[in-house]
């Protein structure tokens, strides 16, 4: 579990919402327009699935087709932006994120993904503005993921108080969110609150298997608290379970 952003593409949320177009003047035109929107939505969903599977050429074909079928689909554009991000085309991705939000400024999923993209580009304050706009939407269905992404980004600023606020909101919505629990443990550790870090690590252990990251954090927290036996137990588990990890290498250097 290398903790990063949760880019929310349509495959994880069901079919993407189709953006409305200007109503045509004829019944035949209206039917054709609706059919195009449905076809575009299907291609967006297929494109998202292909992105998730690493089949980028197929994703590209489906998303270009979706944008042609429904030029007013914001979800087609921000999903295409996600593809461009995967392909290392940051400038193109930024262009399509902006294009999507110009079509539908109320697309909170798009804003969440754009915020995650901006944060990975080191544009932290711009990213937080996007997260805040998404979270201001009372109808935003995936608020936990929005708060989680915002919290991870706030850790990069770093603004620990802001991050704590976001992670607290995640845990109100999803008390067993393992990423939020880990991040809260990390946050408390960085603020020298080792007992707080220990508490969140124990909550994390109740719902998730350990990773190299979480074991390394647990080891350091117990060591700071003077709990030699517990620290050694975590160290042994880290070495045995993840012998080739960066965390195991760091442990070896200090022992």
C-alpha atoms as a PDB file:
ATOM      1  CA  UNK A   1       0.000   0.000   0.000  1.00  0.00           C
ATOM      2  CA  UNK A   2       2.068   2.871  -1.289  1.00  0.00           C
ATOM      3  CA  UNK A   3      -0.224   5.647  -0.237  1.00  0.00           C
ATOM      4  CA  UNK A   4      -1.137   7.955  -3.071  1.00  0.00           C
ATOM      5  CA  UNK A   5      -4.109   9.623  -4.651  1.00  0.00           C
ATOM      6  CA  UNK A   6      -7.371   7.958  -5.491  1.00  0.00           C
ATOM      7  CA  UNK A   7      -8.080   8.999  -9.040  1.00  0.00           C
ATOM      8  CA  UNK A   8     -11.735   8.240  -9.434  1.00  0.00           C
ATOM      9  CA  UNK A   9     -12.469   7.007 -12.919  1.00  0.00           C
ATOM     10  CA  UNK A  10     -15.867   5.882 -14.031  1.00  0.00           C
ATOM     11  CA  UNK A  11     -15.183   2.164 -13.807  1.00  0.00           C
ATOM     12  CA  UNK A  12     -15.108   2.457 -10.020  1.00  0.00           C
ATOM     13  CA  UNK A  13     -18.327   4.464  -9.807  1.00  0.00           C
ATOM     14  CA  UNK A  14     -20.593   2.916 -12.379  1.00  0.00           C
ATOM     15  CA  UNK A  15     -21.553   4.608 -15.611  1.00  0.00           C
ATOM     16  CA  UNK A  16     -20.355   8.161 -16.060  1.00  0.00           C
ATOM     17  CA  UNK A  17     -22.892  10.925 -16.011  1.00  0.00           C
ATOM     18  CA  UNK A  18     -23.723  12.256 -19.432  1.00  0.00           C
ATOM     19  CA  UNK A  19     -23.719  16.024 -19.725  1.00  0.00           C
ATOM     20  CA  UNK A  20     -26.918  17.529 -21.181  1.00  0.00           C
ATOM     21  CA  UNK A  21     -26.806  19.271 -24.513  1.00  0.00           C
ATOM     22  CA  UNK A  22     -29.017  21.999 -25.850  1.00  0.00           C
ATOM     23  CA  UNK A  23     -32.432  20.529 -26.589  1.00  0.00           C
ATOM     24  CA  UNK A  24     -32.986  20.026 -30.336  1.00  0.00           C
ATOM     25  CA  UNK A  25     -36.085  21.331 -32.006  1.00  0.00           C
ATOM     26  CA  UNK A  26     -37.354  18.045 -33.450  1.00  0.00           C
ATOM     27  CA  UNK A  27     -38.305  14.717 -31.924  1.00  0.00           C
ATOM     28  CA  UNK A  28     -36.060  12.880 -34.365  1.00  0.00           C
ATOM     29  CA  UNK A  29     -33.159  15.154 -33.490  1.00  0.00           C
ATOM     30  CA  UNK A  30     -33.802  14.667 -29.795  1.00  0.00           C
ATOM     31  CA  UNK A  31     -33.759  10.880 -30.147  1.00  0.00           C
ATOM     32  CA  UNK A  32     -30.539  10.955 -32.133  1.00  0.00           C
ATOM     33  CA  UNK A  33     -28.940  13.258 -29.581  1.00  0.00           C
ATOM     34  CA  UNK A  34     -29.962  11.017 -26.689  1.00  0.00           C
ATOM     35  CA  UNK A  35     -28.586   7.980 -28.477  1.00  0.00           C
ATOM     36  CA  UNK A  36     -25.281   9.771 -29.017  1.00  0.00           C
ATOM     37  CA  UNK A  37     -25.094  10.669 -25.336  1.00  0.00           C
ATOM     38  CA  UNK A  38     -25.739   7.063 -24.308  1.00  0.00           C
ATOM     39  CA  UNK A  39     -23.158   5.774 -26.761  1.00  0.00           C
ATOM     40  CA  UNK A  40     -20.649   8.326 -25.474  1.00  0.00           C
ATOM     41  CA  UNK A  41     -21.306   7.335 -21.864  1.00  0.00           C
ATOM     42  CA  UNK A  42     -20.693   3.692 -22.738  1.00  0.00           C
ATOM     43  CA  UNK A  43     -17.441   4.529 -24.489  1.00  0.00           C
ATOM     44  CA  UNK A  44     -16.307   6.618 -21.518  1.00  0.00           C
ATOM     45  CA  UNK A  45     -16.940   3.681 -19.215  1.00  0.00           C
ATOM     46  CA  UNK A  46     -15.090   1.337 -21.556  1.00  0.00           C
ATOM     47  CA  UNK A  47     -12.252   3.832 -21.842  1.00  0.00           C
ATOM     48  CA  UNK A  48     -11.992   4.035 -18.065  1.00  0.00           C
ATOM     49  CA  UNK A  49     -11.861   0.251 -17.838  1.00  0.00           C
ATOM     50  CA  UNK A  50      -9.100   0.139 -20.409  1.00  0.00           C
ATOM     51  CA  UNK A  51      -7.138   2.753 -18.451  1.00  0.00           C
ATOM     52  CA  UNK A  52      -7.499   0.683 -15.285  1.00  0.00           C
ATOM     53  CA  UNK A  53      -6.210  -2.373 -17.183  1.00  0.00           C
ATOM     54  CA  UNK A  54      -3.305  -0.500 -18.766  1.00  0.00           C
ATOM     55  CA  UNK A  55      -4.725  -0.874 -22.281  1.00  0.00           C
ATOM     56  CA  UNK A  56      -4.031   2.703 -23.251  1.00  0.00           C
ATOM     57  CA  UNK A  57      -4.466   2.508 -27.035  1.00  0.00           C
ATOM     58  CA  UNK A  58      -7.919   1.012 -26.650  1.00  0.00           C
ATOM     59  CA  UNK A  59      -8.751   3.635 -24.015  1.00  0.00           C
ATOM     60  CA  UNK A  60      -7.598   6.381 -26.355  1.00  0.00           C
ATOM     61  CA  UNK A  61      -9.805   5.093 -29.182  1.00  0.00           C
ATOM     62  CA  UNK A  62     -12.913   4.839 -27.003  1.00  0.00           C
ATOM     63  CA  UNK A  63     -12.479   8.240 -25.398  1.00  0.00           C
ATOM     64  CA  UNK A  64     -11.828  10.059 -28.670  1.00  0.00           C
ATOM     65  CA  UNK A  65     -14.966   8.421 -30.027  1.00  0.00           C
ATOM     66  CA  UNK A  66     -16.931   9.470 -26.939  1.00  0.00           C
ATOM     67  CA  UNK A  67     -15.880  13.094 -27.312  1.00  0.00           C
ATOM     68  CA  UNK A  68     -16.936  13.016 -30.965  1.00  0.00           C
ATOM     69  CA  UNK A  69     -20.297  11.463 -30.092  1.00  0.00           C
ATOM     70  CA  UNK A  70     -20.992  13.936 -27.310  1.00  0.00           C
ATOM     71  CA  UNK A  71     -18.796  17.048 -27.430  1.00  0.00           C
ATOM     72  CA  UNK A  72     -20.493  18.321 -24.249  1.00  0.00           C
ATOM     73  CA  UNK A  73     -19.520  15.331 -22.101  1.00  0.00           C
ATOM     74  CA  UNK A  74     -17.264  16.621 -19.325  1.00  0.00           C
ATOM     75  CA  UNK A  75     -16.659  13.081 -18.046  1.00  0.00           C
ATOM     76  CA  UNK A  76     -15.257  12.059 -21.439  1.00  0.00           C
ATOM     77  CA  UNK A  77     -12.800  14.929 -21.293  1.00  0.00           C
ATOM     78  CA  UNK A  78     -11.545  14.445 -17.745  1.00  0.00           C
ATOM     79  CA  UNK A  79     -11.266  10.690 -18.275  1.00  0.00           C
ATOM     80  CA  UNK A  80      -9.202  11.448 -21.374  1.00  0.00           C
ATOM     81  CA  UNK A  81      -7.130  13.778 -19.168  1.00  0.00           C
ATOM     82  CA  UNK A  82      -6.476  10.858 -16.805  1.00  0.00           C
ATOM     83  CA  UNK A  83      -5.278   8.812 -19.766  1.00  0.00           C
ATOM     84  CA  UNK A  84      -2.919  11.583 -20.845  1.00  0.00           C
ATOM     85  CA  UNK A  85      -1.582  11.788 -17.293  1.00  0.00           C
ATOM     86  CA  UNK A  86      -0.838   8.052 -17.390  1.00  0.00           C
ATOM     87  CA  UNK A  87       0.968   8.595 -20.687  1.00  0.00           C
ATOM     88  CA  UNK A  88       3.136  11.325 -19.172  1.00  0.00           C
ATOM     89  CA  UNK A  89       1.500  14.110 -21.183  1.00  0.00           C
ATOM     90  CA  UNK A  90       0.952  16.549 -18.323  1.00  0.00           C
ATOM     91  CA  UNK A  91       0.296  19.600 -20.508  1.00  0.00           C
ATOM     92  CA  UNK A  92      -2.323  17.756 -22.545  1.00  0.00           C
ATOM     93  CA  UNK A  93      -3.922  16.379 -19.383  1.00  0.00           C
ATOM     94  CA  UNK A  94      -4.150  19.860 -17.873  1.00  0.00           C
ATOM     95  CA  UNK A  95      -5.794  21.154 -21.043  1.00  0.00           C
ATOM     96  CA  UNK A  96      -8.489  18.471 -20.984  1.00  0.00           C
ATOM     97  CA  UNK A  97      -9.180  18.827 -17.263  1.00  0.00           C
ATOM     98  CA  UNK A  98      -9.771  22.552 -17.811  1.00  0.00           C
ATOM     99  CA  UNK A  99     -11.892  21.834 -20.866  1.00  0.00           C
ATOM    100  CA  UNK A 100     -14.056  19.401 -18.893  1.00  0.00           C
ATOM    101  CA  UNK A 101     -14.673  21.927 -16.127  1.00  0.00           C
ATOM    102  CA  UNK A 102     -15.433  24.679 -18.634  1.00  0.00           C
ATOM    103  CA  UNK A 103     -18.228  22.464 -19.947  1.00  0.00           C
ATOM    104  CA  UNK A 104     -19.543  21.574 -16.494  1.00  0.00           C
ATOM    105  CA  UNK A 105     -18.159  23.553 -13.568  1.00  0.00           C
ATOM    106  CA  UNK A 106     -20.298  21.441 -11.209  1.00  0.00           C
ATOM    107  CA  UNK A 107     -18.564  18.174 -12.098  1.00  0.00           C
ATOM    108  CA  UNK A 108     -17.179  17.399  -8.638  1.00  0.00           C
ATOM    109  CA  UNK A 109     -15.622  14.075  -9.664  1.00  0.00           C
ATOM    110  CA  UNK A 110     -13.736  15.928 -12.360  1.00  0.00           C
ATOM    111  CA  UNK A 111     -12.560  18.532  -9.847  1.00  0.00           C
ATOM    112  CA  UNK A 112     -11.399  15.810  -7.460  1.00  0.00           C
ATOM    113  CA  UNK A 113      -9.343  14.179 -10.195  1.00  0.00           C
ATOM    114  CA  UNK A 114      -8.000  17.524 -11.357  1.00  0.00           C
ATOM    115  CA  UNK A 115      -6.972  18.317  -7.793  1.00  0.00           C
ATOM    116  CA  UNK A 116      -5.100  15.024  -7.515  1.00  0.00           C
ATOM    117  CA  UNK A 117      -3.379  15.742 -10.837  1.00  0.00           C
ATOM    118  CA  UNK A 118      -2.360  19.251  -9.758  1.00  0.00           C
ATOM    119  CA  UNK A 119      -0.969  17.962  -6.479  1.00  0.00           C
ATOM    120  CA  UNK A 120       1.172  15.383  -8.245  1.00  0.00           C
ATOM    121  CA  UNK A 121       2.511  18.251 -10.350  1.00  0.00           C
ATOM    122  CA  UNK A 122       3.510  20.087  -7.162  1.00  0.00           C
ATOM    123  CA  UNK A 123       0.789  22.709  -7.604  1.00  0.00           C
ATOM    124  CA  UNK A 124      -0.501  22.217  -4.071  1.00  0.00           C
ATOM    125  CA  UNK A 125      -2.481  25.393  -3.472  1.00  0.00           C
ATOM    126  CA  UNK A 126      -4.205  25.146  -6.850  1.00  0.00           C
ATOM    127  CA  UNK A 127      -5.026  21.555  -6.030  1.00  0.00           C
ATOM    128  CA  UNK A 128      -6.567  22.434  -2.687  1.00  0.00           C
ATOM    129  CA  UNK A 129      -8.858  24.957  -4.383  1.00  0.00           C
ATOM    130  CA  UNK A 130     -10.162  22.206  -6.648  1.00  0.00           C
ATOM    131  CA  UNK A 131     -10.727  19.850  -3.720  1.00  0.00           C
ATOM    132  CA  UNK A 132     -12.569  22.542  -1.773  1.00  0.00           C
ATOM    133  CA  UNK A 133     -14.837  23.292  -4.720  1.00  0.00           C
ATOM    134  CA  UNK A 134     -15.635  19.606  -5.106  1.00  0.00           C
ATOM    135  CA  UNK A 135     -16.333  19.181  -1.400  1.00  0.00           C
ATOM    136  CA  UNK A 136     -18.550  22.277  -1.347  1.00  0.00           C
ATOM    137  CA  UNK A 137     -20.989  20.383  -3.560  1.00  0.00           C
ATOM    138  CA  UNK A 138     -23.692  18.972  -1.217  1.00  0.00           C
ATOM    139  CA  UNK A 139     -24.572  16.342  -3.831  1.00  0.00           C
ATOM    140  CA  UNK A 140     -21.015  15.039  -4.224  1.00  0.00           C
ATOM    141  CA  UNK A 141     -21.409  11.297  -3.692  1.00  0.00           C
ATOM    142  CA  UNK A 142     -17.778  10.296  -3.120  1.00  0.00           C
ATOM    143  CA  UNK A 143     -16.916  12.792  -0.388  1.00  0.00           C
ATOM    144  CA  UNK A 144     -14.624  10.340   1.366  1.00  0.00           C
ATOM    145  CA  UNK A 145     -12.333  10.065  -1.650  1.00  0.00           C
ATOM    146  CA  UNK A 146     -12.373  13.832  -2.109  1.00  0.00           C
ATOM    147  CA  UNK A 147     -11.373  14.441   1.499  1.00  0.00           C
ATOM    148  CA  UNK A 148      -8.753  11.703   1.300  1.00  0.00           C
ATOM    149  CA  UNK A 149      -7.114  13.183  -1.780  1.00  0.00           C
ATOM    150  CA  UNK A 150      -7.244  16.639  -0.235  1.00  0.00           C
ATOM    151  CA  UNK A 151      -5.628  15.332   2.939  1.00  0.00           C
ATOM    152  CA  UNK A 152      -2.819  13.569   1.101  1.00  0.00           C
ATOM    153  CA  UNK A 153      -2.148  16.776  -0.814  1.00  0.00           C
ATOM    154  CA  UNK A 154      -2.191  18.883   2.355  1.00  0.00           C
ATOM    155  CA  UNK A 155       0.516  16.580   3.753  1.00  0.00           C
ATOM    156  CA  UNK A 156       2.675  17.586   0.796  1.00  0.00           C
ATOM    157  CA  UNK A 157       2.340  21.342   1.403  1.00  0.00           C
ATOM    158  CA  UNK A 158       2.880  20.508   4.340  1.00  0.00           C
ATOM    159  CA  UNK A 159      -0.107  21.770   6.319  1.00  0.00           C
ATOM    160  CA  UNK A 160      -0.746  19.185   9.006  1.00  0.00           C
ATOM    161  CA  UNK A 161      -3.726  20.946  10.557  1.00  0.00           C
ATOM    162  CA  UNK A 162      -5.468  21.131   7.191  1.00  0.00           C
ATOM    163  CA  UNK A 163      -4.609  17.493   6.490  1.00  0.00           C
ATOM    164  CA  UNK A 164      -5.989  16.443   9.866  1.00  0.00           C
ATOM    165  CA  UNK A 165      -9.280  18.180   9.105  1.00  0.00           C
ATOM    166  CA  UNK A 166      -9.621  16.318   5.818  1.00  0.00           C
ATOM    167  CA  UNK A 167      -8.703  12.912   7.261  1.00  0.00           C
ATOM    168  CA  UNK A 168     -11.099  13.449  10.165  1.00  0.00           C
ATOM    169  CA  UNK A 169     -13.895  13.950   7.650  1.00  0.00           C
ATOM    170  CA  UNK A 170     -12.903  10.736   5.869  1.00  0.00           C
ATOM    171  CA  UNK A 171     -13.079   8.772   9.108  1.00  0.00           C
ATOM    172  CA  UNK A 172     -16.467  10.233   9.951  1.00  0.00           C
ATOM    173  CA  UNK A 173     -17.750   8.836   6.673  1.00  0.00           C
ATOM    174  CA  UNK A 174     -15.654   5.650   6.641  1.00  0.00           C
ATOM    175  CA  UNK A 175     -14.287   4.770  10.109  1.00  0.00           C
ATOM    176  CA  UNK A 176     -12.473   1.742   8.672  1.00  0.00           C
ATOM    177  CA  UNK A 177     -10.715   3.593   5.857  1.00  0.00           C
ATOM    178  CA  UNK A 178      -7.228   2.118   6.099  1.00  0.00           C
ATOM    179  CA  UNK A 179      -5.543   4.846   4.071  1.00  0.00           C
ATOM    180  CA  UNK A 180      -6.957   7.580   6.312  1.00  0.00           C
ATOM    181  CA  UNK A 181      -5.951   5.644   9.434  1.00  0.00           C
ATOM    182  CA  UNK A 182      -2.410   5.236   8.147  1.00  0.00           C
ATOM    183  CA  UNK A 183      -2.196   8.889   7.156  1.00  0.00           C
ATOM    184  CA  UNK A 184      -3.463   9.991  10.575  1.00  0.00           C
ATOM    185  CA  UNK A 185      -0.812   7.826  12.235  1.00  0.00           C
ATOM    186  CA  UNK A 186       1.852   9.341   9.994  1.00  0.00           C
ATOM    187  CA  UNK A 187       0.573  12.852  10.659  1.00  0.00           C
ATOM    188  CA  UNK A 188       0.690  12.398  14.442  1.00  0.00           C
ATOM    189  CA  UNK A 189       4.175  10.942  14.200  1.00  0.00           C
ATOM    190  CA  UNK A 190       5.389  13.943  12.200  1.00  0.00           C
ATOM    191  CA  UNK A 191       3.949  16.207  14.879  1.00  0.00           C
ATOM    192  CA  UNK A 192       5.879  14.251  17.536  1.00  0.00           C
ATOM    193  CA  UNK A 193       2.658  12.855  18.997  1.00  0.00           C
ATOM    194  CA  UNK A 194       3.919   9.290  19.204  1.00  0.00           C
ATOM    195  CA  UNK A 195       1.100   8.032  21.408  1.00  0.00           C
ATOM    196  CA  UNK A 196      -1.394   9.370  18.873  1.00  0.00           C
ATOM    197  CA  UNK A 197       0.501   7.653  16.074  1.00  0.00           C
ATOM    198  CA  UNK A 198       0.474   4.407  18.045  1.00  0.00           C
ATOM    199  CA  UNK A 199      -3.279   4.660  18.559  1.00  0.00           C
ATOM    200  CA  UNK A 200      -4.019   5.074  14.864  1.00  0.00           C
ATOM    201  CA  UNK A 201      -1.599   2.285  13.966  1.00  0.00           C
ATOM    202  CA  UNK A 202      -3.506  -0.045  16.268  1.00  0.00           C
ATOM    203  CA  UNK A 203      -6.783   0.987  14.627  1.00  0.00           C
ATOM    204  CA  UNK A 204      -5.157   0.348  11.251  1.00  0.00           C
ATOM    205  CA  UNK A 205      -4.058  -3.121  12.353  1.00  0.00           C
ATOM    206  CA  UNK A 206      -7.635  -4.036  13.207  1.00  0.00           C
ATOM    207  CA  UNK A 207      -8.806  -3.679   9.624  1.00  0.00           C
ATOM    208  CA  UNK A 208      -5.754  -4.140   7.394  1.00  0.00           C
ATOM    209  CA  UNK A 209      -2.664  -6.220   6.845  1.00  0.00           C
ATOM    210  CA  UNK A 210       0.555  -4.312   7.453  1.00  0.00           C
ATOM    211  CA  UNK A 211       2.703  -2.970   4.644  1.00  0.00           C
ATOM    212  CA  UNK A 212       6.354  -1.992   4.635  1.00  0.00           C
ATOM    213  CA  UNK A 213       5.327   1.636   5.144  1.00  0.00           C
ATOM    214  CA  UNK A 214       3.035   0.964   8.075  1.00  0.00           C
ATOM    215  CA  UNK A 215       5.522  -1.382   9.787  1.00  0.00           C
ATOM    216  CA  UNK A 216       8.298   1.171   9.474  1.00  0.00           C
ATOM    217  CA  UNK A 217       6.043   3.822  10.962  1.00  0.00           C
ATOM    218  CA  UNK A 218       4.925   1.505  13.760  1.00  0.00           C
ATOM    219  CA  UNK A 219       8.523   0.601  14.568  1.00  0.00           C
ATOM    220  CA  UNK A 220       9.587   4.231  14.845  1.00  0.00           C
ATOM    221  CA  UNK A 221       6.572   5.203  16.953  1.00  0.00           C
ATOM    222  CA  UNK A 222       7.188   2.375  19.434  1.00  0.00           C
ATOM    223  CA  UNK A 223      10.869   3.220  19.555  1.00  0.00           C
ATOM    224  CA  UNK A 224      10.102   6.852  20.361  1.00  0.00           C
ATOM    225  CA  UNK A 225       7.777   5.692  23.143  1.00  0.00           C
ATOM    226  CA  UNK A 226      10.527   3.517  24.596  1.00  0.00           C
ATOM    227  CA  UNK A 227       8.642   0.278  23.912  1.00  0.00           C
ATOM    228  CA  UNK A 228      11.672  -1.799  22.960  1.00  0.00           C
ATOM    229  CA  UNK A 229       9.894  -5.142  22.748  1.00  0.00           C
ATOM    230  CA  UNK A 230       7.119  -3.822  20.506  1.00  0.00           C
ATOM    231  CA  UNK A 231       9.615  -1.937  18.341  1.00  0.00           C
ATOM    232  CA  UNK A 232      11.708  -5.077  17.875  1.00  0.00           C
ATOM    233  CA  UNK A 233       8.593  -7.056  16.981  1.00  0.00           C
ATOM    234  CA  UNK A 234       7.702  -4.608  14.245  1.00  0.00           C
ATOM    235  CA  UNK A 235      11.320  -4.565  13.033  1.00  0.00           C
ATOM    236  CA  UNK A 236      11.387  -8.344  12.752  1.00  0.00           C
ATOM    237  CA  UNK A 237       8.073  -8.393  10.896  1.00  0.00           C
ATOM    238  CA  UNK A 238       9.303  -5.728   8.492  1.00  0.00           C
ATOM    239  CA  UNK A 239      12.540  -7.562   7.782  1.00  0.00           C
ATOM    240  CA  UNK A 240      10.840 -10.926   7.297  1.00  0.00           C
ATOM    241  CA  UNK A 241       7.833  -9.733   5.306  1.00  0.00           C
ATOM    242  CA  UNK A 242       9.428  -7.056   3.133  1.00  0.00           C
ATOM    243  CA  UNK A 243      13.164  -7.827   3.022  1.00  0.00           C
ATOM    244  CA  UNK A 244      13.771  -5.935  -0.233  1.00  0.00           C
ATOM    245  CA  UNK A 245      11.767  -2.826   0.645  1.00  0.00           C
ATOM    246  CA  UNK A 246      13.248   0.633   1.101  1.00  0.00           C
ATOM    247  CA  UNK A 247      11.924   0.581   4.650  1.00  0.00           C
ATOM    248  CA  UNK A 248      13.816  -2.624   5.466  1.00  0.00           C
ATOM    249  CA  UNK A 249      16.965  -1.007   4.067  1.00  0.00           C
ATOM    250  CA  UNK A 250      16.444   2.045   6.280  1.00  0.00           C
ATOM    251  CA  UNK A 251      15.969  -0.221   9.283  1.00  0.00           C
ATOM    252  CA  UNK A 252      19.194  -2.054   8.500  1.00  0.00           C
ATOM    253  CA  UNK A 253      21.103   1.220   8.335  1.00  0.00           C
ATOM    254  CA  UNK A 254      20.109   2.283  11.839  1.00  0.00           C
ATOM    255  CA  UNK A 255      20.580  -1.122  13.509  1.00  0.00           C
END
